[in-house]
Amino acid sequence: MNSKAAASRAAPVATSRSGSSWRMYGRFGGKVDDIAAVVASAARSGLKVMAQNTGHGAAPVPSLDDTVLVRTAGLSQVEIDPAALTAWCGAGADWRAVTTAAAEYGLAAQAGSAGSVGIAGFLLSGGISWLSRLHGLAVNDVTRLQVVTADGQLRIANADHDPELFWALRGGGGSLPVVTGLQVASTRSPQSVREHCSSPSHAPEKSSIAGGAGSWG
């Protein structure tokens, strides 16, 4: 059994072959441990790993030859801590899910301009929201990251633990490890702000382009 086939059996991935090129795809139903297992297996097999965001971040990807494509859409959980004024979000969550959950506690977060925007790509790239003139870039509100590094290890990065990785990810994009979860600060906001952030404009968009943006995440 060659290394590509071995990697495909080590964790829930699918493979296809075209000529001499192998392509491998991973889909996960909210299990971070599965992603860690796939990344570790890819490292042992000499394969590359590419993470694909959800929402607007589900853009076309380059060649996937000898590459495991990890889609994080299944990591869509959102947990609000109203006492700490934070939201813990899986990397596959979109902003409509986050703002709707936060609004129930009188909170708002620096969301993207549409509900179908995925939080991970938006935040890791900087994030200009409706509230940025008041609060700055949305990435400044990221207080903790859960990631899978190239060796398949699940790690937490924040200001006190792995601070250099934490610094690099906040604005540097998600190309270093695979980001699986983010903790985001929220603020107590007037009802008008909460209603705007969770308004129908934050519902999944319908589009005939690429099968509809709402179907990407």
C-alpha atoms as a PDB file:
ATOM      1  CA  MET A   1       0.000   0.000   0.000  1.00  0.00           C
ATOM      2  CA  ASN A   2       1.477   3.380  -0.968  1.00  0.00           C
ATOM      3  CA  SER A   3       1.584   6.418   1.322  1.00  0.00           C
ATOM      4  CA  LYS A   4      -1.423   8.131  -0.287  1.00  0.00           C
ATOM      5  CA  ALA A   5      -3.661   5.106   0.164  1.00  0.00           C
ATOM      6  CA  ALA A   6      -2.391   4.642   3.724  1.00  0.00           C
ATOM      7  CA  ALA A   7      -3.240   8.223   4.599  1.00  0.00           C
ATOM      8  CA  SER A   8      -6.731   7.838   3.192  1.00  0.00           C
ATOM      9  CA  ARG A   9      -7.414   4.885   5.508  1.00  0.00           C
ATOM     10  CA  ALA A  10      -6.022   6.578   8.610  1.00  0.00           C
ATOM     11  CA  ALA A  11      -8.866   9.086   8.868  1.00  0.00           C
ATOM     12  CA  PRO A  12     -12.160  10.046   7.155  1.00  0.00           C
ATOM     13  CA  VAL A  13     -10.883  11.258   3.785  1.00  0.00           C
ATOM     14  CA  ALA A  14     -11.710  10.317   0.215  1.00  0.00           C
ATOM     15  CA  THR A  15      -9.246   9.950  -2.624  1.00  0.00           C
ATOM     16  CA  SER A  16      -9.426  10.176  -6.385  1.00  0.00           C
ATOM     17  CA  ARG A  17      -6.762   9.614  -8.974  1.00  0.00           C
ATOM     18  CA  SER A  18      -6.242  11.196 -12.391  1.00  0.00           C
ATOM     19  CA  GLY A  19      -3.206   9.888 -14.233  1.00  0.00           C
ATOM     20  CA  SER A  20      -0.269  10.063 -11.850  1.00  0.00           C
ATOM     21  CA  SER A  21      -1.876  12.694  -9.599  1.00  0.00           C
ATOM     22  CA  TRP A  22      -3.607  11.931  -6.307  1.00  0.00           C
ATOM     23  CA  ARG A  23      -6.184  14.235  -4.815  1.00  0.00           C
ATOM     24  CA  MET A  24      -7.509  13.802  -1.313  1.00  0.00           C
ATOM     25  CA  TYR A  25     -10.505  15.479   0.319  1.00  0.00           C
ATOM     26  CA  GLY A  26     -11.537  15.553   3.956  1.00  0.00           C
ATOM     27  CA  ARG A  27     -15.024  16.378   5.252  1.00  0.00           C
ATOM     28  CA  PHE A  28     -15.755  16.530   8.943  1.00  0.00           C
ATOM     29  CA  GLY A  29     -18.979  16.636  10.935  1.00  0.00           C
ATOM     30  CA  GLY A  30     -17.804  18.835  13.770  1.00  0.00           C
ATOM     31  CA  LYS A  31     -15.053  16.540  15.074  1.00  0.00           C
ATOM     32  CA  VAL A  32     -11.794  18.393  15.653  1.00  0.00           C
ATOM     33  CA  ASP A  33     -10.008  15.140  16.518  1.00  0.00           C
ATOM     34  CA  ASP A  34     -10.704  13.885  12.994  1.00  0.00           C
ATOM     35  CA  ILE A  35      -8.966  16.913  11.521  1.00  0.00           C
ATOM     36  CA  ALA A  36      -5.965  16.370  13.791  1.00  0.00           C
ATOM     37  CA  ALA A  37      -5.789  12.727  12.689  1.00  0.00           C
ATOM     38  CA  VAL A  38      -5.931  13.661   9.012  1.00  0.00           C
ATOM     39  CA  VAL A  39      -3.218  16.315   9.338  1.00  0.00           C
ATOM     40  CA  ALA A  40      -0.951  13.928  11.251  1.00  0.00           C
ATOM     41  CA  SER A  41      -1.504  11.219   8.650  1.00  0.00           C
ATOM     42  CA  ALA A  42      -0.764  13.644   5.824  1.00  0.00           C
ATOM     43  CA  ALA A  43       2.494  14.664   7.512  1.00  0.00           C
ATOM     44  CA  ARG A  44       3.604  11.034   7.819  1.00  0.00           C
ATOM     45  CA  SER A  45       2.743  10.432   4.168  1.00  0.00           C
ATOM     46  CA  GLY A  46       4.505  13.521   2.832  1.00  0.00           C
ATOM     47  CA  LEU A  47       1.272  15.179   1.687  1.00  0.00           C
ATOM     48  CA  LYS A  48       0.343  18.837   1.806  1.00  0.00           C
ATOM     49  CA  VAL A  49      -2.713  20.137   3.676  1.00  0.00           C
ATOM     50  CA  MET A  50      -4.991  22.976   2.585  1.00  0.00           C
ATOM     51  CA  ALA A  51      -7.838  24.346   4.709  1.00  0.00           C
ATOM     52  CA  GLN A  52     -10.918  25.803   3.013  1.00  0.00           C
ATOM     53  CA  ASN A  53     -13.164  28.241   4.850  1.00  0.00           C
ATOM     54  CA  THR A  54     -16.924  28.287   4.715  1.00  0.00           C
ATOM     55  CA  GLY A  55     -19.288  31.054   3.626  1.00  0.00           C
ATOM     56  CA  HIS A  56     -17.693  33.654   1.362  1.00  0.00           C
ATOM     57  CA  GLY A  57     -14.339  32.010   2.065  1.00  0.00           C
ATOM     58  CA  ALA A  58     -15.318  28.875   0.130  1.00  0.00           C
ATOM     59  CA  ALA A  59     -13.495  30.146  -2.920  1.00  0.00           C
ATOM     60  CA  PRO A  60     -11.987  28.061  -5.725  1.00  0.00           C
ATOM     61  CA  VAL A  61      -8.772  26.346  -4.679  1.00  0.00           C
ATOM     62  CA  PRO A  62      -5.612  25.741  -6.709  1.00  0.00           C
ATOM     63  CA  SER A  63      -4.301  22.332  -7.737  1.00  0.00           C
ATOM     64  CA  LEU A  64      -4.898  19.692  -5.095  1.00  0.00           C
ATOM     65  CA  ASP A  65      -2.337  17.225  -6.372  1.00  0.00           C
ATOM     66  CA  ASP A  66      -0.892  15.325  -3.398  1.00  0.00           C
ATOM     67  CA  THR A  67      -2.935  17.548  -1.101  1.00  0.00           C
ATOM     68  CA  VAL A  68      -5.523  16.925   1.603  1.00  0.00           C
ATOM     69  CA  LEU A  69      -8.286  19.540   1.380  1.00  0.00           C
ATOM     70  CA  VAL A  70      -9.844  20.143   4.799  1.00  0.00           C
ATOM     71  CA  ARG A  71     -13.250  21.843   4.732  1.00  0.00           C
ATOM     72  CA  THR A  72     -14.243  23.251   8.099  1.00  0.00           C
ATOM     73  CA  ALA A  73     -17.957  23.769   7.338  1.00  0.00           C
ATOM     74  CA  GLY A  74     -18.963  21.060   9.830  1.00  0.00           C
ATOM     75  CA  LEU A  75     -17.394  22.969  12.734  1.00  0.00           C
ATOM     76  CA  SER A  76     -20.341  25.317  13.066  1.00  0.00           C
ATOM     77  CA  GLN A  77     -21.056  25.391  16.807  1.00  0.00           C
ATOM     78  CA  VAL A  78     -21.590  28.743  18.557  1.00  0.00           C
ATOM     79  CA  GLU A  79     -21.524  29.121  22.366  1.00  0.00           C
ATOM     80  CA  ILE A  80     -22.174  32.480  24.036  1.00  0.00           C
ATOM     81  CA  ASP A  81     -20.794  33.303  27.495  1.00  0.00           C
ATOM     82  CA  PRO A  82     -22.799  36.389  28.519  1.00  0.00           C
ATOM     83  CA  ALA A  83     -20.853  36.830  31.763  1.00  0.00           C
ATOM     84  CA  ALA A  84     -17.471  36.903  30.039  1.00  0.00           C
ATOM     85  CA  LEU A  85     -18.867  38.758  26.996  1.00  0.00           C
ATOM     86  CA  THR A  86     -17.395  36.205  24.609  1.00  0.00           C
ATOM     87  CA  ALA A  87     -18.510  33.845  21.869  1.00  0.00           C
ATOM     88  CA  TRP A  88     -16.767  30.558  21.154  1.00  0.00           C
ATOM     89  CA  CYS A  89     -17.261  29.679  17.514  1.00  0.00           C
ATOM     90  CA  GLY A  90     -16.275  26.735  15.369  1.00  0.00           C
ATOM     91  CA  ALA A  91     -14.305  27.702  12.280  1.00  0.00           C
ATOM     92  CA  GLY A  92     -17.230  26.699  10.072  1.00  0.00           C
ATOM     93  CA  ALA A  93     -19.729  29.091  11.676  1.00  0.00           C
ATOM     94  CA  ASP A  94     -21.067  32.049   9.732  1.00  0.00           C
ATOM     95  CA  TRP A  95     -21.894  35.471  11.092  1.00  0.00           C
ATOM     96  CA  ARG A  96     -25.654  35.027  11.011  1.00  0.00           C
ATOM     97  CA  ALA A  97     -25.354  32.187  13.530  1.00  0.00           C
ATOM     98  CA  VAL A  98     -23.061  34.224  15.762  1.00  0.00           C
ATOM     99  CA  THR A  99     -25.025  37.495  15.731  1.00  0.00           C
ATOM    100  CA  THR A 100     -28.361  35.721  16.231  1.00  0.00           C
ATOM    101  CA  ALA A 101     -27.036  33.819  19.248  1.00  0.00           C
ATOM    102  CA  ALA A 102     -25.348  36.907  20.724  1.00  0.00           C
ATOM    103  CA  ALA A 103     -28.472  39.075  20.306  1.00  0.00           C
ATOM    104  CA  GLU A 104     -30.392  36.817  22.686  1.00  0.00           C
ATOM    105  CA  TYR A 105     -28.136  38.118  25.469  1.00  0.00           C
ATOM    106  CA  GLY A 106     -28.148  41.763  24.371  1.00  0.00           C
ATOM    107  CA  LEU A 107     -24.718  41.396  22.778  1.00  0.00           C
ATOM    108  CA  ALA A 108     -23.274  42.182  19.371  1.00  0.00           C
ATOM    109  CA  ALA A 109     -20.049  41.197  17.637  1.00  0.00           C
ATOM    110  CA  GLN A 110     -18.130  42.814  14.806  1.00  0.00           C
ATOM    111  CA  ALA A 111     -19.797  40.856  12.030  1.00  0.00           C
ATOM    112  CA  GLY A 112     -19.263  40.872   8.307  1.00  0.00           C
ATOM    113  CA  SER A 113     -21.633  42.707   5.993  1.00  0.00           C
ATOM    114  CA  ALA A 114     -23.736  39.597   5.275  1.00  0.00           C
ATOM    115  CA  GLY A 115     -24.783  36.622   7.322  1.00  0.00           C
ATOM    116  CA  SER A 116     -23.233  34.164   4.886  1.00  0.00           C
ATOM    117  CA  VAL A 117     -19.736  35.504   5.572  1.00  0.00           C
ATOM    118  CA  GLY A 118     -17.715  32.847   7.392  1.00  0.00           C
ATOM    119  CA  ILE A 119     -16.205  34.077  10.639  1.00  0.00           C
ATOM    120  CA  ALA A 120     -12.805  32.385  10.297  1.00  0.00           C
ATOM    121  CA  GLY A 121     -11.714  33.890   6.992  1.00  0.00           C
ATOM    122  CA  PHE A 122     -13.187  37.264   7.907  1.00  0.00           C
ATOM    123  CA  LEU A 123     -11.427  37.510  11.259  1.00  0.00           C
ATOM    124  CA  LEU A 124      -8.087  35.984  10.307  1.00  0.00           C
ATOM    125  CA  SER A 125      -7.774  38.442   7.413  1.00  0.00           C
ATOM    126  CA  GLY A 126      -8.438  41.507   9.571  1.00  0.00           C
ATOM    127  CA  GLY A 127     -12.182  42.062   9.385  1.00  0.00           C
ATOM    128  CA  ILE A 128     -13.785  45.411   8.589  1.00  0.00           C
ATOM    129  CA  SER A 129     -17.270  45.421  10.094  1.00  0.00           C
ATOM    130  CA  TRP A 130     -20.120  47.881  10.512  1.00  0.00           C
ATOM    131  CA  LEU A 131     -18.676  48.708  13.948  1.00  0.00           C
ATOM    132  CA  SER A 132     -15.013  49.102  12.945  1.00  0.00           C
ATOM    133  CA  ARG A 133     -15.046  52.895  13.159  1.00  0.00           C
ATOM    134  CA  LEU A 134     -15.938  52.550  16.813  1.00  0.00           C
ATOM    135  CA  HIS A 135     -14.043  49.392  17.805  1.00  0.00           C
ATOM    136  CA  GLY A 136     -11.277  48.975  15.205  1.00  0.00           C
ATOM    137  CA  LEU A 137     -10.629  45.869  13.117  1.00  0.00           C
ATOM    138  CA  ALA A 138     -12.649  42.828  14.109  1.00  0.00           C
ATOM    139  CA  VAL A 139      -9.503  40.690  14.412  1.00  0.00           C
ATOM    140  CA  ASN A 140      -8.633  42.668  17.547  1.00  0.00           C
ATOM    141  CA  ASP A 141     -11.615  40.992  19.216  1.00  0.00           C
ATOM    142  CA  VAL A 142     -10.174  37.483  18.750  1.00  0.00           C
ATOM    143  CA  THR A 143      -8.921  36.412  22.173  1.00  0.00           C
ATOM    144  CA  ARG A 144      -8.199  32.699  21.682  1.00  0.00           C
ATOM    145  CA  LEU A 145      -7.673  30.299  18.795  1.00  0.00           C
ATOM    146  CA  GLN A 146      -7.890  26.525  18.611  1.00  0.00           C
ATOM    147  CA  VAL A 147      -5.666  25.143  15.854  1.00  0.00           C
ATOM    148  CA  VAL A 148      -4.217  21.938  14.448  1.00  0.00           C
ATOM    149  CA  THR A 149      -0.533  22.414  13.624  1.00  0.00           C
ATOM    150  CA  ALA A 150       1.407  20.678  10.849  1.00  0.00           C
ATOM    151  CA  ASP A 151       2.378  17.799  13.149  1.00  0.00           C
ATOM    152  CA  GLY A 152      -1.282  16.987  13.831  1.00  0.00           C
ATOM    153  CA  GLN A 153      -1.286  18.434  17.357  1.00  0.00           C
ATOM    154  CA  LEU A 154      -4.322  20.271  18.684  1.00  0.00           C
ATOM    155  CA  ARG A 155      -3.177  23.521  20.319  1.00  0.00           C
ATOM    156  CA  ILE A 156      -4.579  26.656  21.923  1.00  0.00           C
ATOM    157  CA  ALA A 157      -3.042  30.016  21.043  1.00  0.00           C
ATOM    158  CA  ASN A 158      -3.710  33.241  22.936  1.00  0.00           C
ATOM    159  CA  ALA A 159      -1.787  36.158  24.393  1.00  0.00           C
ATOM    160  CA  ASP A 160      -0.271  33.948  27.103  1.00  0.00           C
ATOM    161  CA  HIS A 161       0.156  30.625  25.307  1.00  0.00           C
ATOM    162  CA  ASP A 162       1.926  30.448  21.938  1.00  0.00           C
ATOM    163  CA  PRO A 163       1.773  34.253  21.689  1.00  0.00           C
ATOM    164  CA  GLU A 164       3.836  34.378  18.479  1.00  0.00           C
ATOM    165  CA  LEU A 165       1.426  32.041  16.696  1.00  0.00           C
ATOM    166  CA  PHE A 166      -1.480  34.039  18.104  1.00  0.00           C
ATOM    167  CA  TRP A 167       0.078  37.251  16.754  1.00  0.00           C
ATOM    168  CA  ALA A 168       0.755  35.752  13.314  1.00  0.00           C
ATOM    169  CA  LEU A 169      -2.770  34.401  12.872  1.00  0.00           C
ATOM    170  CA  ARG A 170      -4.573  37.608  13.801  1.00  0.00           C
ATOM    171  CA  GLY A 171      -4.373  39.346  10.444  1.00  0.00           C
ATOM    172  CA  GLY A 172      -1.948  36.950   8.792  1.00  0.00           C
ATOM    173  CA  GLY A 173      -4.633  34.550   7.572  1.00  0.00           C
ATOM    174  CA  GLY A 174      -5.116  30.885   8.375  1.00  0.00           C
ATOM    175  CA  SER A 175      -2.320  29.421   6.257  1.00  0.00           C
ATOM    176  CA  LEU A 176      -0.046  28.449   9.174  1.00  0.00           C
ATOM    177  CA  PRO A 177      -2.104  25.813  11.057  1.00  0.00           C
ATOM    178  CA  VAL A 178      -5.665  24.663  10.415  1.00  0.00           C
ATOM    179  CA  VAL A 179      -7.880  26.895  12.561  1.00  0.00           C
ATOM    180  CA  THR A 180     -10.739  24.921  14.102  1.00  0.00           C
ATOM    181  CA  GLY A 181     -12.217  27.399  16.595  1.00  0.00           C
ATOM    182  CA  LEU A 182     -12.080  31.028  17.710  1.00  0.00           C
ATOM    183  CA  GLN A 183     -13.084  32.943  20.826  1.00  0.00           C
ATOM    184  CA  VAL A 184     -14.379  36.412  20.032  1.00  0.00           C
ATOM    185  CA  ALA A 185     -15.127  39.292  22.389  1.00  0.00           C
ATOM    186  CA  SER A 186     -18.599  40.809  22.174  1.00  0.00           C
ATOM    187  CA  THR A 187     -20.092  44.036  23.489  1.00  0.00           C
ATOM    188  CA  ARG A 188     -23.364  45.077  25.053  1.00  0.00           C
ATOM    189  CA  SER A 189     -25.059  47.036  22.316  1.00  0.00           C
ATOM    190  CA  PRO A 190     -28.257  49.004  21.717  1.00  0.00           C
ATOM    191  CA  GLN A 191     -31.183  47.100  20.293  1.00  0.00           C
ATOM    192  CA  SER A 192     -30.863  48.944  16.975  1.00  0.00           C
ATOM    193  CA  VAL A 193     -27.317  47.616  16.532  1.00  0.00           C
ATOM    194  CA  ARG A 194     -28.314  44.063  17.463  1.00  0.00           C
ATOM    195  CA  GLU A 195     -31.270  44.136  15.092  1.00  0.00           C
ATOM    196  CA  HIS A 196     -29.063  45.324  12.263  1.00  0.00           C
ATOM    197  CA  CYS A 197     -26.453  42.634  12.861  1.00  0.00           C
ATOM    198  CA  SER A 198     -29.074  39.886  12.919  1.00  0.00           C
ATOM    199  CA  SER A 199     -31.332  41.373  10.219  1.00  0.00           C
ATOM    200  CA  PRO A 200     -32.411  39.499   7.056  1.00  0.00           C
ATOM    201  CA  SER A 201     -29.385  40.975   5.259  1.00  0.00           C
ATOM    202  CA  HIS A 202     -27.389  38.533   7.369  1.00  0.00           C
ATOM    203  CA  ALA A 203     -29.371  35.575   6.060  1.00  0.00           C
ATOM    204  CA  PRO A 204     -27.624  33.183   3.646  1.00  0.00           C
ATOM    205  CA  GLU A 205     -27.616  34.857   0.275  1.00  0.00           C
ATOM    206  CA  LYS A 206     -29.168  33.289  -2.806  1.00  0.00           C
ATOM    207  CA  SER A 207     -27.155  33.499  -5.982  1.00  0.00           C
ATOM    208  CA  SER A 208     -26.952  31.702  -9.283  1.00  0.00           C
ATOM    209  CA  ILE A 209     -23.179  32.138  -9.229  1.00  0.00           C
ATOM    210  CA  ALA A 210     -21.239  28.991  -8.332  1.00  0.00           C
ATOM    211  CA  GLY A 211     -24.419  27.293  -7.178  1.00  0.00           C
ATOM    212  CA  GLY A 212     -25.388  30.024  -4.711  1.00  0.00           C
ATOM    213  CA  ALA A 213     -23.357  31.530  -1.913  1.00  0.00           C
ATOM    214  CA  GLY A 214     -25.838  30.159   0.602  1.00  0.00           C
ATOM    215  CA  SER A 215     -24.931  26.596  -0.402  1.00  0.00           C
ATOM    216  CA  TRP A 216     -21.188  27.011   0.175  1.00  0.00           C
ATOM    217  CA  GLY A 217     -21.171  26.746   3.933  1.00  0.00           C
END
